[in-house]
Every structure is written in structure tokens, then in C-alpha cells.
């Protein structure tokens, strides 16, 4: 058995060892506390002619390894923040409304534009394949696709502002008051 004062004298070296193992001061302090507690609980197992630092540092290392294995096995797999983050689902209403807007705008553009958009953007056809399927030169496919994208964007913007209510800006309100 050893004297508790001898263990207290070894705490400085044990603290350094704990910081090397854990990499941060807070975890090192927790590891040191666990080690001292375990050493005091198991002091009857200490052999008189042994080195107290070696014996207690072995206890510390075993506690650290056990904690590391537990952390790898349970905490990283079942970290609540990760699980909660994966469980959160974005609302589908906005996506459905966007699809509805795009579908409506696609119905308002020309057939040529809709056809080239569907082939290249939706179905992922290459320009050469779209050119062969439509029977037009590849340059025409590129220019038609560019105009189709512009037309679609114009229709989307027009549809977005069609149902909007016109709200007067502050400078318009003050101009109305001055004229009245």
C-alpha cells in the first residue's frame, strides 16, 4: 500500500500525462480525477517496491483507452445532434409550389423551347444527341436552349409577380400626401 500524500506528489506528472493523452485541459482534469480515485480505491493492489507513477499512469492509460473505446462505439454513432439533424425534414410546400410554378411556366413557352429544355435539362441529353433527335444543327440547339432558358425565367418571374399586391413605397406615400 502507498500513502495518499505520495499520490498527491505524483499528480503533477500524472496531469502532464493526462494532457498528452486527451489533448485538452478539461478532459485531462477529468481523467486525472478518475485516475486518483481509482488508485485510492485499488491501493491494496499496489506492491510496495513498485514505482507509484508507473502504476498510476497505467491506471490512467487504461481508463483513457476504455473511455475512448466507449466513445467510439456509442457516442459517435448515436450523437443526438447528428441524429436530430438527420431527422429534421425541410417543408415540402415550397418545393411543390416551385415545381407547380415551373410546370405552369413550361406550359406558356413555345413548343420548340419546351422540347429542347426537356431533352437537355430534364433528360440530360448531350447537345449532339438532341441535335440528332431534333434534326437541327448543334449551334441551333445551343441558341434555342439559351432562348428557352430566358423564356422560362421570364415566365417564372411574370407568374411570381402576377398575384402580388402592389404596396406603395414610403416615398410614394409622402408624395401622395403632399399632392392631396
C-alpha atoms as a PDB file:
ATOM      1  CA  UNK A   1       0.000   0.000   0.000  1.00  0.00           C
ATOM      2  CA  UNK A   2       1.067   3.613  -0.528  1.00  0.00           C
ATOM      3  CA  UNK A   3       0.489   6.834   1.331  1.00  0.00           C
ATOM      4  CA  UNK A   4      -2.076   9.247  -0.171  1.00  0.00           C
ATOM      5  CA  UNK A   5       0.497  12.066   0.090  1.00  0.00           C
ATOM      6  CA  UNK A   6       2.775  10.124  -2.276  1.00  0.00           C
ATOM      7  CA  UNK A   7      -0.065  10.002  -4.809  1.00  0.00           C
ATOM      8  CA  UNK A   8      -0.642  13.745  -4.387  1.00  0.00           C
ATOM      9  CA  UNK A   9       3.047  14.330  -5.178  1.00  0.00           C
ATOM     10  CA  UNK A  10       2.662  12.361  -8.438  1.00  0.00           C
ATOM     11  CA  UNK A  11      -0.378  14.394  -9.549  1.00  0.00           C
ATOM     12  CA  UNK A  12       1.766  16.940 -11.437  1.00  0.00           C
ATOM     13  CA  UNK A  13       3.361  14.279 -13.619  1.00  0.00           C
ATOM     14  CA  UNK A  14       0.064  12.458 -13.981  1.00  0.00           C
ATOM     15  CA  UNK A  15      -1.581  15.730 -15.090  1.00  0.00           C
ATOM     16  CA  UNK A  16       1.015  16.182 -17.850  1.00  0.00           C
ATOM     17  CA  UNK A  17       0.479  12.603 -18.973  1.00  0.00           C
ATOM     18  CA  UNK A  18      -3.291  13.143 -18.992  1.00  0.00           C
ATOM     19  CA  UNK A  19      -2.932  16.293 -21.143  1.00  0.00           C
ATOM     20  CA  UNK A  20      -0.780  14.342 -23.610  1.00  0.00           C
ATOM     21  CA  UNK A  21      -3.397  11.611 -23.819  1.00  0.00           C
ATOM     22  CA  UNK A  22      -6.503  13.770 -24.121  1.00  0.00           C
ATOM     23  CA  UNK A  23      -5.213  16.822 -25.940  1.00  0.00           C
ATOM     24  CA  UNK A  24      -7.143  19.327 -23.825  1.00  0.00           C
ATOM     25  CA  UNK A  25      -7.100  20.568 -20.258  1.00  0.00           C
ATOM     26  CA  UNK A  26     -10.737  19.867 -19.308  1.00  0.00           C
ATOM     27  CA  UNK A  27     -10.656  16.203 -20.330  1.00  0.00           C
ATOM     28  CA  UNK A  28      -7.206  15.855 -18.747  1.00  0.00           C
ATOM     29  CA  UNK A  29      -8.540  17.115 -15.410  1.00  0.00           C
ATOM     30  CA  UNK A  30     -11.427  14.637 -15.560  1.00  0.00           C
ATOM     31  CA  UNK A  31      -9.035  11.814 -16.423  1.00  0.00           C
ATOM     32  CA  UNK A  32      -6.690  12.789 -13.585  1.00  0.00           C
ATOM     33  CA  UNK A  33      -9.561  12.834 -11.102  1.00  0.00           C
ATOM     34  CA  UNK A  34     -10.770   9.403 -12.245  1.00  0.00           C
ATOM     35  CA  UNK A  35      -7.238   8.040 -12.013  1.00  0.00           C
ATOM     36  CA  UNK A  36      -6.629   9.317  -8.484  1.00  0.00           C
ATOM     37  CA  UNK A  37      -9.992   7.973  -7.360  1.00  0.00           C
ATOM     38  CA  UNK A  38      -9.334   4.545  -8.905  1.00  0.00           C
ATOM     39  CA  UNK A  39      -5.802   4.447  -7.443  1.00  0.00           C
ATOM     40  CA  UNK A  40      -7.182   5.185  -3.981  1.00  0.00           C
ATOM     41  CA  UNK A  41      -9.852   2.506  -4.393  1.00  0.00           C
ATOM     42  CA  UNK A  42      -7.280  -0.069  -5.557  1.00  0.00           C
ATOM     43  CA  UNK A  43      -4.389   0.950  -3.279  1.00  0.00           C
ATOM     44  CA  UNK A  44      -4.447  -2.508  -1.666  1.00  0.00           C
ATOM     45  CA  UNK A  45      -3.252  -3.925  -5.029  1.00  0.00           C
ATOM     46  CA  UNK A  46      -0.155  -1.713  -5.108  1.00  0.00           C
ATOM     47  CA  UNK A  47       3.081  -3.603  -4.469  1.00  0.00           C
ATOM     48  CA  UNK A  48       5.451  -1.859  -2.033  1.00  0.00           C
ATOM     49  CA  UNK A  49       8.614  -1.936  -4.145  1.00  0.00           C
ATOM     50  CA  UNK A  50       6.823  -0.689  -7.304  1.00  0.00           C
ATOM     51  CA  UNK A  51       7.016   2.762  -8.876  1.00  0.00           C
ATOM     52  CA  UNK A  52       3.863   4.697  -7.919  1.00  0.00           C
ATOM     53  CA  UNK A  53       3.919   6.857 -11.060  1.00  0.00           C
ATOM     54  CA  UNK A  54       4.207   3.809 -13.335  1.00  0.00           C
ATOM     55  CA  UNK A  55       1.387   2.047 -11.530  1.00  0.00           C
ATOM     56  CA  UNK A  56      -0.942   5.069 -11.512  1.00  0.00           C
ATOM     57  CA  UNK A  57      -0.098   6.053 -15.116  1.00  0.00           C
ATOM     58  CA  UNK A  58      -1.041   2.519 -16.196  1.00  0.00           C
ATOM     59  CA  UNK A  59      -4.392   3.017 -14.437  1.00  0.00           C
ATOM     60  CA  UNK A  60      -4.764   6.345 -16.247  1.00  0.00           C
ATOM     61  CA  UNK A  61      -3.960   4.830 -19.620  1.00  0.00           C
ATOM     62  CA  UNK A  62      -6.461   2.008 -19.093  1.00  0.00           C
ATOM     63  CA  UNK A  63      -9.193   4.483 -18.093  1.00  0.00           C
ATOM     64  CA  UNK A  64      -8.403   6.603 -21.144  1.00  0.00           C
ATOM     65  CA  UNK A  65      -8.493   3.636 -23.544  1.00  0.00           C
ATOM     66  CA  UNK A  66     -11.755   2.350 -22.061  1.00  0.00           C
ATOM     67  CA  UNK A  67     -13.314   5.790 -22.390  1.00  0.00           C
ATOM     68  CA  UNK A  68     -12.055   6.145 -25.942  1.00  0.00           C
ATOM     69  CA  UNK A  69     -13.487   2.769 -26.950  1.00  0.00           C
ATOM     70  CA  UNK A  70     -16.819   3.633 -25.344  1.00  0.00           C
ATOM     71  CA  UNK A  71     -16.852   6.981 -27.105  1.00  0.00           C
ATOM     72  CA  UNK A  72     -16.079   5.448 -30.499  1.00  0.00           C
ATOM     73  CA  UNK A  73     -18.643   2.698 -30.042  1.00  0.00           C
ATOM     74  CA  UNK A  74     -21.559   4.694 -28.669  1.00  0.00           C
ATOM     75  CA  UNK A  75     -21.166   8.451 -28.695  1.00  0.00           C
ATOM     76  CA  UNK A  76     -20.139   8.951 -32.315  1.00  0.00           C
ATOM     77  CA  UNK A  77     -22.788   6.593 -33.672  1.00  0.00           C
ATOM     78  CA  UNK A  78     -25.567   7.908 -31.503  1.00  0.00           C
ATOM     79  CA  UNK A  79     -24.649  11.557 -31.118  1.00  0.00           C
ATOM     80  CA  UNK A  80     -28.009  13.274 -30.553  1.00  0.00           C
ATOM     81  CA  UNK A  81     -27.149  16.334 -32.637  1.00  0.00           C
ATOM     82  CA  UNK A  82     -26.321  14.202 -35.657  1.00  0.00           C
ATOM     83  CA  UNK A  83     -29.473  12.127 -35.273  1.00  0.00           C
ATOM     84  CA  UNK A  84     -31.649  15.198 -34.754  1.00  0.00           C
ATOM     85  CA  UNK A  85     -30.046  16.928 -37.732  1.00  0.00           C
ATOM     86  CA  UNK A  86     -30.768  13.925 -39.927  1.00  0.00           C
ATOM     87  CA  UNK A  87     -34.327  13.637 -38.642  1.00  0.00           C
ATOM     88  CA  UNK A  88     -35.211  17.221 -39.493  1.00  0.00           C
ATOM     89  CA  UNK A  89     -37.158  17.420 -42.731  1.00  0.00           C
ATOM     90  CA  UNK A  90     -37.484  20.565 -44.766  1.00  0.00           C
ATOM     91  CA  UNK A  91     -41.045  21.600 -45.563  1.00  0.00           C
ATOM     92  CA  UNK A  92     -42.175  20.242 -48.911  1.00  0.00           C
ATOM     93  CA  UNK A  93     -44.681  23.034 -49.632  1.00  0.00           C
ATOM     94  CA  UNK A  94     -42.126  25.404 -51.124  1.00  0.00           C
ATOM     95  CA  UNK A  95     -40.661  22.706 -53.361  1.00  0.00           C
ATOM     96  CA  UNK A  96     -44.113  21.642 -54.542  1.00  0.00           C
ATOM     97  CA  UNK A  97     -45.060  25.255 -55.250  1.00  0.00           C
ATOM     98  CA  UNK A  98     -41.817  25.787 -57.171  1.00  0.00           C
ATOM     99  CA  UNK A  99     -42.493  22.674 -59.259  1.00  0.00           C
ATOM    100  CA  UNK A 100     -46.022  23.909 -59.887  1.00  0.00           C
ATOM    101  CA  UNK A 101     -44.682  27.307 -60.964  1.00  0.00           C
ATOM    102  CA  UNK A 102     -42.137  25.688 -63.301  1.00  0.00           C
ATOM    103  CA  UNK A 103     -44.789  23.374 -64.760  1.00  0.00           C
ATOM    104  CA  UNK A 104     -47.081  26.315 -65.386  1.00  0.00           C
ATOM    105  CA  UNK A 105     -44.283  28.376 -66.948  1.00  0.00           C
ATOM    106  CA  UNK A 106     -43.258  25.428 -69.142  1.00  0.00           C
ATOM    107  CA  UNK A 107     -46.817  25.344 -70.487  1.00  0.00           C
ATOM    108  CA  UNK A 108     -46.577  29.009 -71.509  1.00  0.00           C
ATOM    109  CA  UNK A 109     -43.337  28.800 -73.550  1.00  0.00           C
ATOM    110  CA  UNK A 110     -43.167  27.676 -77.194  1.00  0.00           C
ATOM    111  CA  UNK A 111     -43.082  24.006 -78.159  1.00  0.00           C
ATOM    112  CA  UNK A 112     -39.591  24.312 -79.639  1.00  0.00           C
ATOM    113  CA  UNK A 113     -38.254  25.806 -76.403  1.00  0.00           C
ATOM    114  CA  UNK A 114     -40.085  23.282 -74.206  1.00  0.00           C
ATOM    115  CA  UNK A 115     -38.798  20.396 -76.347  1.00  0.00           C
ATOM    116  CA  UNK A 116     -35.134  21.417 -76.160  1.00  0.00           C
ATOM    117  CA  UNK A 117     -35.388  22.158 -72.417  1.00  0.00           C
ATOM    118  CA  UNK A 118     -36.888  18.732 -71.760  1.00  0.00           C
ATOM    119  CA  UNK A 119     -34.238  16.949 -73.810  1.00  0.00           C
ATOM    120  CA  UNK A 120     -31.161  18.714 -72.475  1.00  0.00           C
ATOM    121  CA  UNK A 121     -32.072  19.944 -68.987  1.00  0.00           C
ATOM    122  CA  UNK A 122     -34.586  17.343 -67.792  1.00  0.00           C
ATOM    123  CA  UNK A 123     -33.477  14.185 -69.605  1.00  0.00           C
ATOM    124  CA  UNK A 124     -29.771  15.089 -69.591  1.00  0.00           C
ATOM    125  CA  UNK A 125     -29.185  14.549 -73.297  1.00  0.00           C
ATOM    126  CA  UNK A 126     -25.967  15.839 -74.767  1.00  0.00           C
ATOM    127  CA  UNK A 127     -26.204  18.594 -77.365  1.00  0.00           C
ATOM    128  CA  UNK A 128     -25.155  16.239 -80.157  1.00  0.00           C
ATOM    129  CA  UNK A 129     -27.881  13.728 -79.260  1.00  0.00           C
ATOM    130  CA  UNK A 130     -30.508  16.484 -79.032  1.00  0.00           C
ATOM    131  CA  UNK A 131     -29.286  17.846 -82.363  1.00  0.00           C
ATOM    132  CA  UNK A 132     -29.709  14.427 -83.992  1.00  0.00           C
ATOM    133  CA  UNK A 133     -33.120  13.834 -82.387  1.00  0.00           C
ATOM    134  CA  UNK A 134     -34.463  17.229 -83.477  1.00  0.00           C
ATOM    135  CA  UNK A 135     -32.751  17.151 -86.888  1.00  0.00           C
ATOM    136  CA  UNK A 136     -31.169  20.600 -86.413  1.00  0.00           C
ATOM    137  CA  UNK A 137     -27.529  21.757 -86.191  1.00  0.00           C
ATOM    138  CA  UNK A 138     -25.831  21.722 -82.787  1.00  0.00           C
ATOM    139  CA  UNK A 139     -25.433  25.522 -82.860  1.00  0.00           C
ATOM    140  CA  UNK A 140     -29.201  25.855 -83.231  1.00  0.00           C
ATOM    141  CA  UNK A 141     -29.687  23.562 -80.219  1.00  0.00           C
ATOM    142  CA  UNK A 142     -27.399  25.781 -78.146  1.00  0.00           C
ATOM    143  CA  UNK A 143     -29.050  29.046 -79.170  1.00  0.00           C
ATOM    144  CA  UNK A 144     -32.565  27.588 -78.803  1.00  0.00           C
ATOM    145  CA  UNK A 145     -31.666  26.275 -75.350  1.00  0.00           C
ATOM    146  CA  UNK A 146     -30.346  29.692 -74.339  1.00  0.00           C
ATOM    147  CA  UNK A 147     -33.523  31.416 -75.542  1.00  0.00           C
ATOM    148  CA  UNK A 148     -35.649  28.692 -73.906  1.00  0.00           C
ATOM    149  CA  UNK A 149     -33.971  29.286 -70.535  1.00  0.00           C
ATOM    150  CA  UNK A 150     -34.537  33.031 -70.875  1.00  0.00           C
ATOM    151  CA  UNK A 151     -38.191  32.497 -71.826  1.00  0.00           C
ATOM    152  CA  UNK A 152     -38.732  30.138 -68.910  1.00  0.00           C
ATOM    153  CA  UNK A 153     -37.150  32.604 -66.490  1.00  0.00           C
ATOM    154  CA  UNK A 154     -39.298  35.431 -67.877  1.00  0.00           C
ATOM    155  CA  UNK A 155     -42.444  33.316 -67.448  1.00  0.00           C
ATOM    156  CA  UNK A 156     -41.424  32.320 -63.918  1.00  0.00           C
ATOM    157  CA  UNK A 157     -40.842  35.963 -62.995  1.00  0.00           C
ATOM    158  CA  UNK A 158     -44.167  37.018 -64.572  1.00  0.00           C
ATOM    159  CA  UNK A 159     -46.032  34.292 -62.694  1.00  0.00           C
ATOM    160  CA  UNK A 160     -44.324  35.171 -59.434  1.00  0.00           C
ATOM    161  CA  UNK A 161     -45.454  38.797 -59.584  1.00  0.00           C
ATOM    162  CA  UNK A 162     -48.889  38.194 -61.135  1.00  0.00           C
ATOM    163  CA  UNK A 163     -50.640  37.594 -57.807  1.00  0.00           C
ATOM    164  CA  UNK A 164     -48.610  40.114 -55.820  1.00  0.00           C
ATOM    165  CA  UNK A 165     -50.350  43.069 -54.225  1.00  0.00           C
ATOM    166  CA  UNK A 166     -48.821  46.435 -55.032  1.00  0.00           C
ATOM    167  CA  UNK A 167     -47.701  48.091 -51.801  1.00  0.00           C
ATOM    168  CA  UNK A 168     -46.727  51.748 -52.080  1.00  0.00           C
ATOM    169  CA  UNK A 169     -43.207  52.626 -51.013  1.00  0.00           C
ATOM    170  CA  UNK A 170     -42.666  55.238 -48.255  1.00  0.00           C
ATOM    171  CA  UNK A 171     -41.575  57.958 -50.691  1.00  0.00           C
ATOM    172  CA  UNK A 172     -44.722  57.316 -52.780  1.00  0.00           C
ATOM    173  CA  UNK A 173     -46.929  57.715 -49.680  1.00  0.00           C
ATOM    174  CA  UNK A 174     -45.327  61.036 -48.741  1.00  0.00           C
ATOM    175  CA  UNK A 175     -45.679  62.250 -52.377  1.00  0.00           C
ATOM    176  CA  UNK A 176     -49.408  61.335 -52.279  1.00  0.00           C
ATOM    177  CA  UNK A 177     -49.864  63.302 -49.038  1.00  0.00           C
ATOM    178  CA  UNK A 178     -48.145  66.369 -50.487  1.00  0.00           C
ATOM    179  CA  UNK A 179     -50.290  66.335 -53.611  1.00  0.00           C
ATOM    180  CA  UNK A 180     -53.532  65.948 -51.667  1.00  0.00           C
END
